[in-house]
Amino acid sequence: MTRQNMNKLMIGMVSLVATIVVIPIVLVIIYVVYNGIGAINWEFLTAAPRNGMREGGIMPALLGTVFLTFGTAIVSFPLAIAAAIYLAEYAGDNMLTRWVRLAIVNLAGIPSIVYGLFGLGAFVLFWNLGTSIIAGSLTLGVLTLPVVISTAEEAILSVPQSFRTVSLSLGASRWQTIRHQVLPHAMPGIITGIILGLGRAAGETAPILFTVAAFYLPELPKSIFDQTMALPYHLYVISTQVPDMPLSNQYGTALVLLMIVFSMTLVATVIRTNMRRRREW
């Protein structure tokens, strides 16, 4: 077999595998949209649940998800980006650094329920924060740290070394080089990792189950030390704990959550594309 035929064969196999992976995802999305689009209206998005959650809307759960997402961003992303800068620009290539990177990769693969138990022990009980928005945000922040650190470090390392060399040769300090040359060019990858991390945090159920989520709250939270409803846990509750729940409400809630995660992914893609177009290398 010639090299050209082998190349065509490999392209065909990769395309077939990609199709096999994508088609079920597309079918699931179509199924959720078909069953849930009828429930989406203004009342569904802005009203609180009533009549045992069988009627009304998802506004408290929707706002709770927004609160937790912003809390996660505030808690984790400055620390994650600082860690990525240190690992990529300051840390030497030694045994300790390699162990740290290995630990980050392993932490990214830990099941989310383990993070939930960690948040329960560390933040809810040991720090005495109780089941609250801040405890949930801290737990989700720890959950997203490994993903964002890895993504940001890869983005920083992808910047050509010549940028650093030229900047340092012109008299700039190491931090000035990182601040004005490395980070602006690495920003598309960093922003992508941040938004994807937020999307994961918005869709998690197990961590918030132990740290913040409430079955039902008649009022919105008044501070970060209060409990809140959240879309992932609300979807679990109405799908498994509420008898005679209209199917359209279940799929409508799933569709809203899917739209939130999809919107974050779309924003990340648009930002990354626009910033890469302005990149000069």
C-alpha atoms as a PDB file:
ATOM      1  CA  MET A   1       0.000   0.000   0.000  1.00  0.00           C
ATOM      2  CA  THR A   2       1.373   3.372  -1.023  1.00  0.00           C
ATOM      3  CA  ARG A   3       1.819   6.230   1.409  1.00  0.00           C
ATOM      4  CA  GLN A   4      -0.985   8.173  -0.274  1.00  0.00           C
ATOM      5  CA  ASN A   5      -3.440   5.287   0.067  1.00  0.00           C
ATOM      6  CA  MET A   6      -2.418   4.760   3.674  1.00  0.00           C
ATOM      7  CA  ASN A   7      -3.053   8.453   4.358  1.00  0.00           C
ATOM      8  CA  LYS A   8      -6.530   8.227   2.810  1.00  0.00           C
ATOM      9  CA  LEU A   9      -7.284   5.102   4.830  1.00  0.00           C
ATOM     10  CA  MET A  10      -6.279   6.751   8.109  1.00  0.00           C
ATOM     11  CA  ILE A  11      -8.288   9.871   7.298  1.00  0.00           C
ATOM     12  CA  GLY A  12     -11.306   7.695   6.565  1.00  0.00           C
ATOM     13  CA  MET A  13     -10.933   5.755   9.826  1.00  0.00           C
ATOM     14  CA  VAL A  14     -10.550   8.916  11.896  1.00  0.00           C
ATOM     15  CA  SER A  15     -13.582  10.465  10.180  1.00  0.00           C
ATOM     16  CA  LEU A  16     -15.632   7.321  10.853  1.00  0.00           C
ATOM     17  CA  VAL A  17     -14.696   7.280  14.544  1.00  0.00           C
ATOM     18  CA  ALA A  18     -15.489  11.003  14.846  1.00  0.00           C
ATOM     19  CA  THR A  19     -18.881  10.421  13.234  1.00  0.00           C
ATOM     20  CA  ILE A  20     -19.646   7.529  15.578  1.00  0.00           C
ATOM     21  CA  VAL A  21     -18.852   9.772  18.554  1.00  0.00           C
ATOM     22  CA  VAL A  22     -20.699  12.866  17.329  1.00  0.00           C
ATOM     23  CA  ILE A  23     -23.950  11.292  16.101  1.00  0.00           C
ATOM     24  CA  PRO A  24     -25.152  10.026  19.533  1.00  0.00           C
ATOM     25  CA  ILE A  25     -24.399  13.432  21.078  1.00  0.00           C
ATOM     26  CA  VAL A  26     -26.385  15.196  18.366  1.00  0.00           C
ATOM     27  CA  LEU A  27     -29.277  12.764  18.781  1.00  0.00           C
ATOM     28  CA  VAL A  28     -29.357  13.336  22.571  1.00  0.00           C
ATOM     29  CA  ILE A  29     -29.401  17.108  22.061  1.00  0.00           C
ATOM     30  CA  ILE A  30     -32.205  16.852  19.498  1.00  0.00           C
ATOM     31  CA  TYR A  31     -34.195  14.601  21.845  1.00  0.00           C
ATOM     32  CA  VAL A  32     -33.819  17.028  24.775  1.00  0.00           C
ATOM     33  CA  VAL A  33     -34.756  20.012  22.615  1.00  0.00           C
ATOM     34  CA  TYR A  34     -37.773  18.215  21.156  1.00  0.00           C
ATOM     35  CA  ASN A  35     -39.150  17.226  24.554  1.00  0.00           C
ATOM     36  CA  GLY A  36     -38.216  20.391  26.435  1.00  0.00           C
ATOM     37  CA  ILE A  37     -38.791  23.290  24.074  1.00  0.00           C
ATOM     38  CA  GLY A  38     -42.530  23.306  24.794  1.00  0.00           C
ATOM     39  CA  ALA A  39     -41.920  24.095  28.478  1.00  0.00           C
ATOM     40  CA  ILE A  40     -39.701  27.117  27.818  1.00  0.00           C
ATOM     41  CA  ASN A  41     -41.576  30.371  28.311  1.00  0.00           C
ATOM     42  CA  TRP A  42     -41.259  33.545  30.346  1.00  0.00           C
ATOM     43  CA  GLU A  43     -43.029  32.131  33.399  1.00  0.00           C
ATOM     44  CA  PHE A  44     -40.866  29.010  33.363  1.00  0.00           C
ATOM     45  CA  LEU A  45     -37.701  31.133  33.460  1.00  0.00           C
ATOM     46  CA  THR A  46     -38.842  33.788  35.950  1.00  0.00           C
ATOM     47  CA  ALA A  47     -41.265  32.089  38.372  1.00  0.00           C
ATOM     48  CA  ALA A  48     -40.544  29.992  41.435  1.00  0.00           C
ATOM     49  CA  PRO A  49     -41.693  26.350  41.642  1.00  0.00           C
ATOM     50  CA  ARG A  50     -45.096  25.729  43.194  1.00  0.00           C
ATOM     51  CA  ASN A  51     -47.560  22.924  43.789  1.00  0.00           C
ATOM     52  CA  GLY A  52     -44.834  20.536  44.859  1.00  0.00           C
ATOM     53  CA  MET A  53     -42.568  21.687  42.007  1.00  0.00           C
ATOM     54  CA  ARG A  54     -45.062  20.385  39.433  1.00  0.00           C
ATOM     55  CA  GLU A  55     -45.922  23.904  38.300  1.00  0.00           C
ATOM     56  CA  GLY A  56     -44.207  27.269  38.112  1.00  0.00           C
ATOM     57  CA  GLY A  57     -40.655  27.810  36.971  1.00  0.00           C
ATOM     58  CA  ILE A  58     -36.977  27.402  37.733  1.00  0.00           C
ATOM     59  CA  MET A  59     -35.928  30.960  38.584  1.00  0.00           C
ATOM     60  CA  PRO A  60     -34.427  30.204  42.055  1.00  0.00           C
ATOM     61  CA  ALA A  61     -32.435  27.277  40.672  1.00  0.00           C
ATOM     62  CA  LEU A  62     -31.313  29.324  37.667  1.00  0.00           C
ATOM     63  CA  LEU A  63     -30.098  32.199  39.845  1.00  0.00           C
ATOM     64  CA  GLY A  64     -28.429  29.750  42.221  1.00  0.00           C
ATOM     65  CA  THR A  65     -26.448  28.296  39.327  1.00  0.00           C
ATOM     66  CA  VAL A  66     -25.377  31.805  38.302  1.00  0.00           C
ATOM     67  CA  PHE A  67     -24.280  32.602  41.880  1.00  0.00           C
ATOM     68  CA  LEU A  68     -22.251  29.404  42.126  1.00  0.00           C
ATOM     69  CA  THR A  69     -20.653  29.933  38.717  1.00  0.00           C
ATOM     70  CA  PHE A  70     -19.475  33.443  39.565  1.00  0.00           C
ATOM     71  CA  GLY A  71     -18.348  32.292  42.983  1.00  0.00           C
ATOM     72  CA  THR A  72     -16.299  29.539  41.375  1.00  0.00           C
ATOM     73  CA  ALA A  73     -14.661  32.044  39.038  1.00  0.00           C
ATOM     74  CA  ILE A  74     -13.710  34.360  41.894  1.00  0.00           C
ATOM     75  CA  VAL A  75     -12.361  31.541  44.053  1.00  0.00           C
ATOM     76  CA  SER A  76     -10.383  29.443  41.607  1.00  0.00           C
ATOM     77  CA  PHE A  77      -9.273  31.276  38.502  1.00  0.00           C
ATOM     78  CA  PRO A  78      -6.792  33.808  39.951  1.00  0.00           C
ATOM     79  CA  LEU A  79      -5.104  30.967  41.840  1.00  0.00           C
ATOM     80  CA  ALA A  80      -5.186  28.676  38.805  1.00  0.00           C
ATOM     81  CA  ILE A  81      -3.632  31.246  36.471  1.00  0.00           C
ATOM     82  CA  ALA A  82      -0.964  32.159  39.038  1.00  0.00           C
ATOM     83  CA  ALA A  83      -0.088  28.471  39.438  1.00  0.00           C
ATOM     84  CA  ALA A  84       0.080  28.033  35.662  1.00  0.00           C
ATOM     85  CA  ILE A  85       2.407  31.028  35.300  1.00  0.00           C
ATOM     86  CA  TYR A  86       4.685  29.676  38.023  1.00  0.00           C
ATOM     87  CA  LEU A  87       4.827  26.169  36.546  1.00  0.00           C
ATOM     88  CA  ALA A  88       5.417  27.409  33.000  1.00  0.00           C
ATOM     89  CA  GLU A  89       7.782  30.317  33.628  1.00  0.00           C
ATOM     90  CA  TYR A  90       9.470  29.989  37.022  1.00  0.00           C
ATOM     91  CA  ALA A  91       9.500  26.354  38.147  1.00  0.00           C
ATOM     92  CA  GLY A  92      12.550  24.375  37.154  1.00  0.00           C
ATOM     93  CA  ASP A  93      12.464  21.017  35.411  1.00  0.00           C
ATOM     94  CA  ASN A  94      13.054  18.864  38.471  1.00  0.00           C
ATOM     95  CA  MET A  95      11.474  15.956  40.278  1.00  0.00           C
ATOM     96  CA  LEU A  96       9.246  18.162  42.445  1.00  0.00           C
ATOM     97  CA  THR A  97       7.795  19.997  39.453  1.00  0.00           C
ATOM     98  CA  ARG A  98       7.132  16.736  37.635  1.00  0.00           C
ATOM     99  CA  TRP A  99       5.349  15.352  40.701  1.00  0.00           C
ATOM    100  CA  VAL A 100       3.242  18.512  40.938  1.00  0.00           C
ATOM    101  CA  ARG A 101       2.203  18.239  37.290  1.00  0.00           C
ATOM    102  CA  LEU A 102       1.389  14.555  37.760  1.00  0.00           C
ATOM    103  CA  ALA A 103      -0.724  15.414  40.804  1.00  0.00           C
ATOM    104  CA  ILE A 104      -2.627  18.056  38.815  1.00  0.00           C
ATOM    105  CA  VAL A 105      -3.379  15.553  36.046  1.00  0.00           C
ATOM    106  CA  ASN A 106      -4.557  12.977  38.588  1.00  0.00           C
ATOM    107  CA  LEU A 107      -6.741  15.517  40.377  1.00  0.00           C
ATOM    108  CA  ALA A 108      -8.473  16.317  37.090  1.00  0.00           C
ATOM    109  CA  GLY A 109      -9.584  12.676  36.866  1.00  0.00           C
ATOM    110  CA  ILE A 110     -10.982  12.304  40.371  1.00  0.00           C
ATOM    111  CA  PRO A 111     -14.784  11.719  40.434  1.00  0.00           C
ATOM    112  CA  SER A 112     -16.726  14.827  41.350  1.00  0.00           C
ATOM    113  CA  ILE A 113     -18.438  13.134  44.296  1.00  0.00           C
ATOM    114  CA  VAL A 114     -15.024  12.851  45.985  1.00  0.00           C
ATOM    115  CA  TYR A 115     -14.696  16.628  45.709  1.00  0.00           C
ATOM    116  CA  GLY A 116     -18.146  16.887  47.241  1.00  0.00           C
ATOM    117  CA  LEU A 117     -17.093  14.816  50.246  1.00  0.00           C
ATOM    118  CA  PHE A 118     -13.911  16.888  50.532  1.00  0.00           C
ATOM    119  CA  GLY A 119     -15.953  20.087  50.480  1.00  0.00           C
ATOM    120  CA  LEU A 120     -18.265  18.687  53.140  1.00  0.00           C
ATOM    121  CA  GLY A 121     -15.382  17.855  55.449  1.00  0.00           C
ATOM    122  CA  ALA A 122     -13.157  20.858  54.768  1.00  0.00           C
ATOM    123  CA  PHE A 123     -15.515  23.773  54.183  1.00  0.00           C
ATOM    124  CA  VAL A 124     -18.883  22.803  55.648  1.00  0.00           C
ATOM    125  CA  LEU A 125     -17.627  21.130  58.848  1.00  0.00           C
ATOM    126  CA  PHE A 126     -13.991  22.088  59.521  1.00  0.00           C
ATOM    127  CA  TRP A 127     -14.258  25.748  58.458  1.00  0.00           C
ATOM    128  CA  ASN A 128     -17.795  25.836  59.869  1.00  0.00           C
ATOM    129  CA  LEU A 129     -19.223  27.535  56.771  1.00  0.00           C
ATOM    130  CA  GLY A 130     -22.284  25.312  56.765  1.00  0.00           C
ATOM    131  CA  THR A 131     -24.169  24.394  53.620  1.00  0.00           C
ATOM    132  CA  SER A 132     -23.833  27.705  51.862  1.00  0.00           C
ATOM    133  CA  ILE A 133     -22.993  29.405  48.591  1.00  0.00           C
ATOM    134  CA  ILE A 134     -19.431  30.093  49.697  1.00  0.00           C
ATOM    135  CA  ALA A 135     -18.871  26.439  50.666  1.00  0.00           C
ATOM    136  CA  GLY A 136     -20.254  25.307  47.316  1.00  0.00           C
ATOM    137  CA  SER A 137     -18.161  27.870  45.427  1.00  0.00           C
ATOM    138  CA  LEU A 138     -14.994  26.791  47.228  1.00  0.00           C
ATOM    139  CA  THR A 139     -15.716  23.142  46.458  1.00  0.00           C
ATOM    140  CA  LEU A 140     -16.397  23.840  42.786  1.00  0.00           C
ATOM    141  CA  GLY A 141     -13.295  26.028  42.720  1.00  0.00           C
ATOM    142  CA  VAL A 142     -11.141  23.122  43.907  1.00  0.00           C
ATOM    143  CA  LEU A 143     -12.863  20.920  41.319  1.00  0.00           C
ATOM    144  CA  THR A 144     -12.018  23.227  38.407  1.00  0.00           C
ATOM    145  CA  LEU A 145      -8.463  24.113  39.502  1.00  0.00           C
ATOM    146  CA  PRO A 146      -6.686  21.151  37.817  1.00  0.00           C
ATOM    147  CA  VAL A 147      -8.428  21.678  34.472  1.00  0.00           C
ATOM    148  CA  VAL A 148      -7.761  25.411  34.339  1.00  0.00           C
ATOM    149  CA  ILE A 149      -4.152  25.061  35.518  1.00  0.00           C
ATOM    150  CA  SER A 150      -3.387  22.472  32.842  1.00  0.00           C
ATOM    151  CA  THR A 151      -5.100  24.472  30.089  1.00  0.00           C
ATOM    152  CA  ALA A 152      -3.463  27.759  31.071  1.00  0.00           C
ATOM    153  CA  GLU A 153      -0.013  26.182  31.372  1.00  0.00           C
ATOM    154  CA  GLU A 154      -0.284  24.640  27.907  1.00  0.00           C
ATOM    155  CA  ALA A 155      -1.370  27.999  26.489  1.00  0.00           C
ATOM    156  CA  ILE A 156       1.597  29.764  28.104  1.00  0.00           C
ATOM    157  CA  LEU A 157       4.072  27.131  26.938  1.00  0.00           C
ATOM    158  CA  SER A 158       2.759  27.430  23.368  1.00  0.00           C
ATOM    159  CA  VAL A 159       4.066  31.001  23.105  1.00  0.00           C
ATOM    160  CA  PRO A 160       7.361  30.898  21.142  1.00  0.00           C
ATOM    161  CA  GLN A 161      10.506  31.215  23.236  1.00  0.00           C
ATOM    162  CA  SER A 162      11.799  33.890  20.855  1.00  0.00           C
ATOM    163  CA  PHE A 163       9.233  36.348  22.281  1.00  0.00           C
ATOM    164  CA  ARG A 164      10.779  35.968  25.716  1.00  0.00           C
ATOM    165  CA  THR A 165      14.335  36.154  24.401  1.00  0.00           C
ATOM    166  CA  VAL A 166      13.765  39.380  22.483  1.00  0.00           C
ATOM    167  CA  SER A 167      11.927  41.024  25.375  1.00  0.00           C
ATOM    168  CA  LEU A 168      14.639  40.113  27.888  1.00  0.00           C
ATOM    169  CA  SER A 169      17.378  41.263  25.510  1.00  0.00           C
ATOM    170  CA  LEU A 170      15.735  44.696  25.303  1.00  0.00           C
ATOM    171  CA  GLY A 171      16.022  45.128  29.071  1.00  0.00           C
ATOM    172  CA  ALA A 172      12.581  44.022  30.246  1.00  0.00           C
ATOM    173  CA  SER A 173      12.363  42.118  33.504  1.00  0.00           C
ATOM    174  CA  ARG A 174      11.051  38.572  33.629  1.00  0.00           C
ATOM    175  CA  TRP A 175       7.670  39.642  34.967  1.00  0.00           C
ATOM    176  CA  GLN A 176       7.394  42.450  32.382  1.00  0.00           C
ATOM    177  CA  THR A 177       8.097  39.882  29.683  1.00  0.00           C
ATOM    178  CA  ILE A 178       5.405  37.577  31.028  1.00  0.00           C
ATOM    179  CA  ARG A 179       2.920  40.403  31.525  1.00  0.00           C
ATOM    180  CA  HIS A 180       3.332  42.164  28.171  1.00  0.00           C
ATOM    181  CA  GLN A 181       4.517  39.413  25.810  1.00  0.00           C
ATOM    182  CA  VAL A 182       3.571  35.967  27.050  1.00  0.00           C
ATOM    183  CA  LEU A 183       0.147  36.428  28.628  1.00  0.00           C
ATOM    184  CA  PRO A 184      -1.441  38.460  25.785  1.00  0.00           C
ATOM    185  CA  HIS A 185      -0.502  35.753  23.276  1.00  0.00           C
ATOM    186  CA  ALA A 186      -1.552  32.944  25.614  1.00  0.00           C
ATOM    187  CA  MET A 187      -4.851  34.599  26.494  1.00  0.00           C
ATOM    188  CA  PRO A 188      -7.022  32.744  23.910  1.00  0.00           C
ATOM    189  CA  GLY A 189      -6.109  29.395  25.426  1.00  0.00           C
ATOM    190  CA  ILE A 190      -6.398  30.699  28.989  1.00  0.00           C
ATOM    191  CA  ILE A 191      -9.853  32.180  28.400  1.00  0.00           C
ATOM    192  CA  THR A 192     -10.988  28.981  26.717  1.00  0.00           C
ATOM    193  CA  GLY A 193      -9.899  26.940  29.724  1.00  0.00           C
ATOM    194  CA  ILE A 194     -11.593  29.350  32.125  1.00  0.00           C
ATOM    195  CA  ILE A 195     -14.945  29.277  30.371  1.00  0.00           C
ATOM    196  CA  LEU A 196     -14.875  25.519  29.911  1.00  0.00           C
ATOM    197  CA  GLY A 197     -14.094  25.216  33.618  1.00  0.00           C
ATOM    198  CA  LEU A 198     -17.112  27.386  34.380  1.00  0.00           C
ATOM    199  CA  GLY A 199     -19.247  25.201  32.142  1.00  0.00           C
ATOM    200  CA  ARG A 200     -18.184  22.129  34.077  1.00  0.00           C
ATOM    201  CA  ALA A 201     -18.873  23.854  37.396  1.00  0.00           C
ATOM    202  CA  ALA A 202     -22.347  24.908  36.226  1.00  0.00           C
ATOM    203  CA  GLY A 203     -23.275  21.329  35.350  1.00  0.00           C
ATOM    204  CA  GLU A 204     -21.973  19.494  38.428  1.00  0.00           C
ATOM    205  CA  THR A 205     -24.405  17.874  40.847  1.00  0.00           C
ATOM    206  CA  ALA A 206     -22.413  15.771  43.329  1.00  0.00           C
ATOM    207  CA  PRO A 207     -20.219  18.573  44.799  1.00  0.00           C
ATOM    208  CA  ILE A 208     -23.147  20.906  45.459  1.00  0.00           C
ATOM    209  CA  LEU A 209     -25.255  18.058  46.838  1.00  0.00           C
ATOM    210  CA  PHE A 210     -23.109  18.021  50.000  1.00  0.00           C
ATOM    211  CA  THR A 211     -22.210  21.697  50.278  1.00  0.00           C
ATOM    212  CA  VAL A 212     -24.921  24.093  49.104  1.00  0.00           C
ATOM    213  CA  ALA A 213     -27.889  22.712  47.174  1.00  0.00           C
ATOM    214  CA  ALA A 214     -31.350  22.763  48.733  1.00  0.00           C
ATOM    215  CA  PHE A 215     -34.354  20.642  47.756  1.00  0.00           C
ATOM    216  CA  TYR A 216     -36.619  23.686  47.756  1.00  0.00           C
ATOM    217  CA  LEU A 217     -36.330  27.227  49.103  1.00  0.00           C
ATOM    218  CA  PRO A 218     -39.289  29.629  49.136  1.00  0.00           C
ATOM    219  CA  GLU A 219     -36.959  32.667  49.128  1.00  0.00           C
ATOM    220  CA  LEU A 220     -33.802  33.656  47.310  1.00  0.00           C
ATOM    221  CA  PRO A 221     -30.519  33.594  49.278  1.00  0.00           C
ATOM    222  CA  LYS A 222     -29.666  36.860  51.016  1.00  0.00           C
ATOM    223  CA  SER A 223     -25.934  36.280  51.488  1.00  0.00           C
ATOM    224  CA  ILE A 224     -23.123  33.939  50.508  1.00  0.00           C
ATOM    225  CA  PHE A 225     -23.683  32.044  53.759  1.00  0.00           C
ATOM    226  CA  ASP A 226     -27.170  30.881  52.732  1.00  0.00           C
ATOM    227  CA  GLN A 227     -28.189  27.768  50.862  1.00  0.00           C
ATOM    228  CA  THR A 228     -29.490  28.012  47.332  1.00  0.00           C
ATOM    229  CA  MET A 229     -31.192  25.887  44.730  1.00  0.00           C
ATOM    230  CA  ALA A 230     -29.200  24.927  41.631  1.00  0.00           C
ATOM    231  CA  LEU A 231     -30.234  23.654  38.219  1.00  0.00           C
ATOM    232  CA  PRO A 232     -28.326  20.323  38.228  1.00  0.00           C
ATOM    233  CA  TYR A 233     -29.666  19.303  41.640  1.00  0.00           C
ATOM    234  CA  HIS A 234     -33.133  20.668  40.818  1.00  0.00           C
ATOM    235  CA  LEU A 235     -33.166  18.518  37.692  1.00  0.00           C
ATOM    236  CA  TYR A 236     -32.195  15.467  39.747  1.00  0.00           C
ATOM    237  CA  VAL A 237     -34.923  16.209  42.306  1.00  0.00           C
ATOM    238  CA  ILE A 238     -37.775  16.697  39.855  1.00  0.00           C
ATOM    239  CA  SER A 239     -36.694  13.638  37.862  1.00  0.00           C
ATOM    240  CA  THR A 240     -36.404  11.207  40.779  1.00  0.00           C
ATOM    241  CA  GLN A 241     -38.082  12.582  43.902  1.00  0.00           C
ATOM    242  CA  VAL A 242     -41.282  14.294  42.704  1.00  0.00           C
ATOM    243  CA  PRO A 243     -44.112  11.927  41.694  1.00  0.00           C
ATOM    244  CA  ASP A 244     -46.310  12.760  38.702  1.00  0.00           C
ATOM    245  CA  MET A 245     -43.833  15.384  37.510  1.00  0.00           C
ATOM    246  CA  PRO A 246     -44.675  16.579  33.968  1.00  0.00           C
ATOM    247  CA  LEU A 247     -42.093  15.237  31.551  1.00  0.00           C
ATOM    248  CA  SER A 248     -41.925  18.567  29.735  1.00  0.00           C
ATOM    249  CA  ASN A 249     -40.727  20.324  32.904  1.00  0.00           C
ATOM    250  CA  GLN A 250     -37.934  17.804  33.357  1.00  0.00           C
ATOM    251  CA  TYR A 251     -36.701  18.171  29.793  1.00  0.00           C
ATOM    252  CA  GLY A 252     -37.255  21.932  29.905  1.00  0.00           C
ATOM    253  CA  THR A 253     -34.942  22.183  32.920  1.00  0.00           C
ATOM    254  CA  ALA A 254     -32.398  19.963  31.179  1.00  0.00           C
ATOM    255  CA  LEU A 255     -32.629  22.152  28.080  1.00  0.00           C
ATOM    256  CA  VAL A 256     -31.976  25.347  30.055  1.00  0.00           C
ATOM    257  CA  LEU A 257     -28.931  23.768  31.703  1.00  0.00           C
ATOM    258  CA  LEU A 258     -27.737  22.531  28.319  1.00  0.00           C
ATOM    259  CA  MET A 259     -28.169  26.012  26.848  1.00  0.00           C
ATOM    260  CA  ILE A 260     -26.112  27.560  29.665  1.00  0.00           C
ATOM    261  CA  VAL A 261     -23.214  25.161  29.128  1.00  0.00           C
ATOM    262  CA  PHE A 262     -23.478  25.477  25.338  1.00  0.00           C
ATOM    263  CA  SER A 263     -23.507  29.279  25.587  1.00  0.00           C
ATOM    264  CA  MET A 264     -20.322  29.236  27.656  1.00  0.00           C
ATOM    265  CA  THR A 265     -18.652  26.966  25.119  1.00  0.00           C
ATOM    266  CA  LEU A 266     -19.796  29.208  22.269  1.00  0.00           C
ATOM    267  CA  VAL A 267     -18.465  32.310  24.015  1.00  0.00           C
ATOM    268  CA  ALA A 268     -15.124  30.576  24.576  1.00  0.00           C
ATOM    269  CA  THR A 269     -14.951  29.612  20.904  1.00  0.00           C
ATOM    270  CA  VAL A 270     -15.780  33.119  19.679  1.00  0.00           C
ATOM    271  CA  ILE A 271     -13.258  34.782  22.003  1.00  0.00           C
ATOM    272  CA  ARG A 272     -10.538  32.305  21.086  1.00  0.00           C
ATOM    273  CA  THR A 273     -11.193  32.732  17.351  1.00  0.00           C
ATOM    274  CA  ASN A 274     -11.183  36.534  17.466  1.00  0.00           C
ATOM    275  CA  MET A 275      -8.021  36.703  19.564  1.00  0.00           C
ATOM    276  CA  ARG A 276      -6.218  34.200  17.354  1.00  0.00           C
ATOM    277  CA  ARG A 277      -7.038  36.274  14.282  1.00  0.00           C
ATOM    278  CA  ARG A 278      -5.191  39.211  15.834  1.00  0.00           C
ATOM    279  CA  ARG A 279      -2.237  37.059  16.769  1.00  0.00           C
ATOM    280  CA  GLU A 280       0.907  37.720  14.787  1.00  0.00           C
ATOM    281  CA  TRP A 281       2.386  34.219  14.846  1.00  0.00           C
END
